[in-house]
Amino acid sequence: MVKLNVPLRWVSHMSLLSLRDPDAIRAAVEIGVREAFAHCPPYVLESFAAAVGGEIPPPDQPLKLSPVAERGAFDTMKRQERDLHLRVRGPAAMQMLGCGQSKLFELMDAGLIDSVMSGGARLITTDSIYRLLIRDVVLSHPYGAPAKKAPLPWASFKTHNDRVDGRKLRRIRTQAELDALARANQRRKELAAARRAGQGTEAI
């Protein structure tokens, strides 16, 4: 993908916060989204192509963005314009991204966010954080397709979780669970009988 020569913060001579014209907003989003996906790994570009209608159009043609993706990208760009920080420490980056430390390291290792060493501290550049946020909103809301959904938790696949008279039914145990329960009950009975007979549990 060709990298644009226009930095994200220089999309317009006017502040993004003051833009009201739909065409100007669309142009700002266009440049911002292309900047966010510039120099991404091939697998990210493949996802980007799928999210904008199947292929990435050349710079002289408009991107196909869903309304949610367009609005989310512009909101993120406005948030970046208000942010005066150039670099942040790990805890602040995790708060901005809504992730934990392991995910943060994973993003850095994959080259999806940029970091620098300053003395003995590793700092994450806020520009790369906002680029990641823009990529996330575009990939989460592909053009002409339903929004991506998070995987359901394993508990959602349990059966017999209906309610009767406001009470949740108990999950039916599997045969393996019933066999293990029977063995545990039998063991407890043997230990109780040994204690009653005055024997030590070592004899069992």
Protein backbone atom coordinates (compact mmCIF):
# COMPACT_ATOMS: atom_id res chain seq x y z
CA MET A 1 0.00 0.00 0.00
CA VAL A 2 1.33 3.45 -0.93
CA LYS A 3 2.06 5.63 2.08
CA LEU A 4 0.56 9.10 1.87
CA ASN A 5 2.90 12.03 2.31
CA VAL A 6 0.36 14.01 4.32
CA PRO A 7 0.72 13.45 8.10
CA LEU A 8 -2.43 12.63 10.02
CA ARG A 9 -2.30 15.87 12.01
CA TRP A 10 -2.05 17.92 8.79
CA VAL A 11 -5.20 16.64 7.14
CA SER A 12 -6.57 20.16 7.07
CA HIS A 13 -5.26 23.60 7.86
CA MET A 14 -8.32 23.88 10.09
CA SER A 15 -8.78 21.98 13.30
CA LEU A 16 -10.58 18.66 12.94
CA LEU A 17 -12.75 19.76 15.84
CA SER A 18 -14.07 22.66 13.75
CA LEU A 19 -14.92 20.65 10.62
CA ARG A 20 -18.62 20.68 9.80
CA ASP A 21 -18.72 20.16 6.04
CA PRO A 22 -19.43 16.48 5.20
CA ASP A 23 -17.01 16.54 2.27
CA ALA A 24 -14.21 17.92 4.44
CA ILE A 25 -14.94 15.34 7.13
CA ARG A 26 -14.92 12.57 4.55
CA ALA A 27 -11.59 13.79 3.13
CA ALA A 28 -10.10 13.90 6.63
CA VAL A 29 -11.28 10.39 7.41
CA GLU A 30 -9.98 9.14 4.06
CA ILE A 31 -6.45 10.33 4.77
CA GLY A 32 -6.58 9.27 8.41
CA VAL A 33 -7.65 5.71 7.61
CA ARG A 34 -5.05 5.30 4.86
CA GLU A 35 -2.37 6.60 7.22
CA ALA A 36 -3.50 4.16 9.91
CA PHE A 37 -3.04 1.17 7.59
CA ALA A 38 0.21 2.34 5.98
CA HIS A 39 3.17 -0.03 6.54
CA CYS A 40 0.98 -2.68 8.20
CA PRO A 41 1.82 -6.40 7.96
CA PRO A 42 0.30 -8.21 4.96
CA TYR A 43 -2.32 -10.02 7.04
CA VAL A 44 -3.61 -6.68 8.34
CA LEU A 45 -3.80 -5.29 4.81
CA GLU A 46 -5.76 -8.36 3.74
CA SER A 47 -8.27 -7.71 6.51
CA PHE A 48 -8.38 -4.04 5.50
CA ALA A 49 -9.14 -4.98 1.89
CA ALA A 50 -11.97 -7.25 3.03
CA ALA A 51 -13.37 -4.48 5.24
CA VAL A 52 -13.52 -1.92 2.42
CA GLY A 53 -15.30 -4.01 -0.17
CA GLY A 54 -12.76 -6.62 -1.23
CA GLU A 55 -9.82 -4.54 -2.40
CA ILE A 56 -7.98 -1.38 -1.40
CA PRO A 57 -8.71 1.34 -3.95
CA PRO A 58 -5.90 3.59 -5.22
CA PRO A 59 -5.44 6.97 -3.48
CA ASP A 60 -7.40 8.80 -6.18
CA GLN A 61 -10.51 6.73 -5.47
CA PRO A 62 -12.63 6.87 -2.30
CA LEU A 63 -12.56 4.16 0.32
CA LYS A 64 -15.70 2.18 0.98
CA LEU A 65 -16.29 2.69 4.69
CA SER A 66 -19.35 1.82 6.71
CA PRO A 67 -21.02 4.77 8.48
CA VAL A 68 -19.96 3.38 11.87
CA ALA A 69 -16.35 3.01 10.74
CA GLU A 70 -16.29 6.51 9.26
CA ARG A 71 -17.77 8.06 12.39
CA GLY A 72 -15.51 6.07 14.71
CA ALA A 73 -12.37 6.96 12.76
CA PHE A 74 -13.23 10.66 12.80
CA ASP A 75 -14.01 10.60 16.52
CA THR A 76 -10.65 8.92 17.17
CA MET A 77 -8.84 11.54 15.10
CA LYS A 78 -10.55 14.32 17.02
CA ARG A 79 -9.56 12.64 20.27
CA GLN A 80 -5.96 12.53 19.07
CA GLU A 81 -6.03 16.21 18.23
CA ARG A 82 -7.00 17.01 21.81
CA ASP A 83 -4.33 14.71 23.25
CA LEU A 84 -1.11 16.59 24.02
CA HIS A 85 0.90 13.49 24.91
CA LEU A 86 3.44 12.21 22.41
CA ARG A 87 4.53 9.16 24.43
CA VAL A 88 2.99 7.35 27.40
CA ARG A 89 4.08 4.63 29.77
CA GLY A 90 2.69 1.12 29.69
CA PRO A 91 -0.16 1.57 32.22
CA ALA A 92 -1.48 4.63 30.36
CA ALA A 93 -1.23 2.80 27.03
CA MET A 94 -3.14 -0.16 28.46
CA GLN A 95 -5.87 2.19 29.65
CA MET A 96 -6.11 3.85 26.24
CA LEU A 97 -6.32 0.50 24.46
CA GLY A 98 -8.44 -1.26 27.06
CA CYS A 99 -6.04 -4.21 27.24
CA GLY A 100 -3.70 -5.89 29.71
CA GLN A 101 0.07 -6.08 29.86
CA SER A 102 0.33 -9.34 27.92
CA LYS A 103 -1.75 -7.94 25.06
CA LEU A 104 0.32 -4.75 25.07
CA PHE A 105 3.55 -6.74 24.70
CA GLU A 106 1.92 -8.81 21.96
CA LEU A 107 1.01 -5.66 20.03
CA MET A 108 4.54 -4.31 20.38
CA ASP A 109 6.11 -7.60 19.29
CA ALA A 110 3.83 -7.70 16.23
CA GLY A 111 4.81 -4.15 15.28
CA LEU A 112 1.22 -2.92 15.56
CA ILE A 113 2.21 -0.17 18.01
CA ASP A 114 5.54 1.63 18.30
CA SER A 115 7.66 2.07 21.41
CA VAL A 116 10.95 3.76 22.28
CA MET A 117 13.41 3.53 25.13
CA SER A 118 13.89 6.69 27.18
CA GLY A 119 16.52 6.06 29.83
CA GLY A 120 15.39 2.89 31.57
CA ALA A 121 11.73 3.19 30.61
CA ARG A 122 9.94 1.92 27.52
CA LEU A 123 7.40 4.43 26.22
CA ILE A 124 4.67 3.88 23.65
CA THR A 125 4.01 6.55 21.04
CA THR A 126 0.47 7.86 21.11
CA ASP A 127 0.39 8.22 17.31
CA SER A 128 0.72 4.45 16.97
CA ILE A 129 -1.99 3.91 19.59
CA TYR A 130 -4.46 6.09 17.70
CA ARG A 131 -3.56 4.40 14.41
CA LEU A 132 -4.37 1.06 16.04
CA LEU A 133 -7.70 2.39 17.34
CA ILE A 134 -8.62 3.59 13.85
CA ARG A 135 -7.69 0.21 12.36
CA ASP A 136 -9.78 -1.57 14.98
CA VAL A 137 -12.93 0.43 14.27
CA VAL A 138 -12.58 -0.02 10.49
CA LEU A 139 -11.97 -3.77 10.75
CA SER A 140 -14.76 -4.21 13.30
CA HIS A 141 -17.36 -2.59 11.03
CA PRO A 142 -16.71 -3.77 7.46
CA TYR A 143 -18.43 -2.12 4.53
CA GLY A 144 -21.58 -3.90 3.38
CA ALA A 145 -21.36 -6.60 6.06
CA PRO A 146 -22.53 -7.06 9.65
CA ALA A 147 -20.31 -5.83 12.44
CA LYS A 148 -17.93 -8.44 13.77
CA LYS A 149 -19.01 -10.11 17.01
CA ALA A 150 -16.85 -11.27 19.86
CA PRO A 151 -16.76 -15.04 20.49
CA LEU A 152 -19.40 -16.17 22.95
CA PRO A 153 -18.16 -17.36 26.34
CA TRP A 154 -18.07 -21.09 26.82
CA ALA A 155 -20.97 -20.93 29.29
CA SER A 156 -23.26 -19.77 26.47
CA PHE A 157 -23.00 -23.19 24.86
CA LYS A 158 -24.26 -25.07 27.91
CA THR A 159 -27.57 -26.86 27.52
CA HIS A 160 -30.44 -27.01 29.97
CA ASN A 161 -29.94 -23.45 31.15
CA ASP A 162 -33.58 -22.47 30.82
CA ARG A 163 -35.49 -21.14 33.75
CA VAL A 164 -38.64 -22.58 35.29
CA ASP A 165 -40.68 -20.34 37.58
CA GLY A 166 -37.76 -17.93 37.73
CA ARG A 167 -35.32 -20.60 38.89
CA LYS A 168 -32.39 -21.68 36.76
CA LEU A 169 -32.27 -25.40 36.09
CA ARG A 170 -29.19 -27.30 37.13
CA ARG A 171 -26.84 -28.46 34.42
CA ILE A 172 -27.16 -32.17 33.70
CA ARG A 173 -23.92 -33.93 34.66
CA THR A 174 -22.09 -36.04 32.13
CA GLN A 175 -21.61 -39.79 32.65
CA ALA A 176 -17.92 -39.25 33.41
CA GLU A 177 -18.81 -36.74 36.11
CA LEU A 178 -21.37 -39.14 37.60
CA ASP A 179 -18.81 -41.98 37.68
CA ALA A 180 -16.23 -39.78 39.37
CA LEU A 181 -18.82 -38.65 41.92
CA ALA A 182 -19.76 -42.26 42.66
CA ARG A 183 -16.12 -43.22 43.21
CA ALA A 184 -15.61 -40.24 45.54
CA ASN A 185 -18.72 -41.16 47.55
CA GLN A 186 -17.59 -44.77 47.84
CA ARG A 187 -14.17 -43.64 49.07
CA ARG A 188 -15.76 -41.44 51.72
CA LYS A 189 -17.93 -44.34 52.88
CA GLU A 190 -14.86 -46.58 53.25
CA LEU A 191 -13.01 -43.92 55.26
CA ALA A 192 -16.02 -43.39 57.52
CA ALA A 193 -16.36 -47.15 58.13
CA ALA A 194 -12.65 -47.41 58.98
CA ARG A 195 -12.91 -44.57 61.50
CA ARG A 196 -15.94 -46.18 63.14
CA ALA A 197 -14.00 -49.44 63.43
CA GLY A 198 -11.17 -47.62 65.20
CA GLN A 199 -8.73 -48.10 62.39
CA GLY A 200 -6.45 -45.47 60.90
CA THR A 201 -6.99 -44.09 57.48
CA GLU A 202 -3.59 -45.47 56.49
CA ALA A 203 -5.12 -48.95 56.33
CA ILE A 204 -7.36 -47.91 53.50
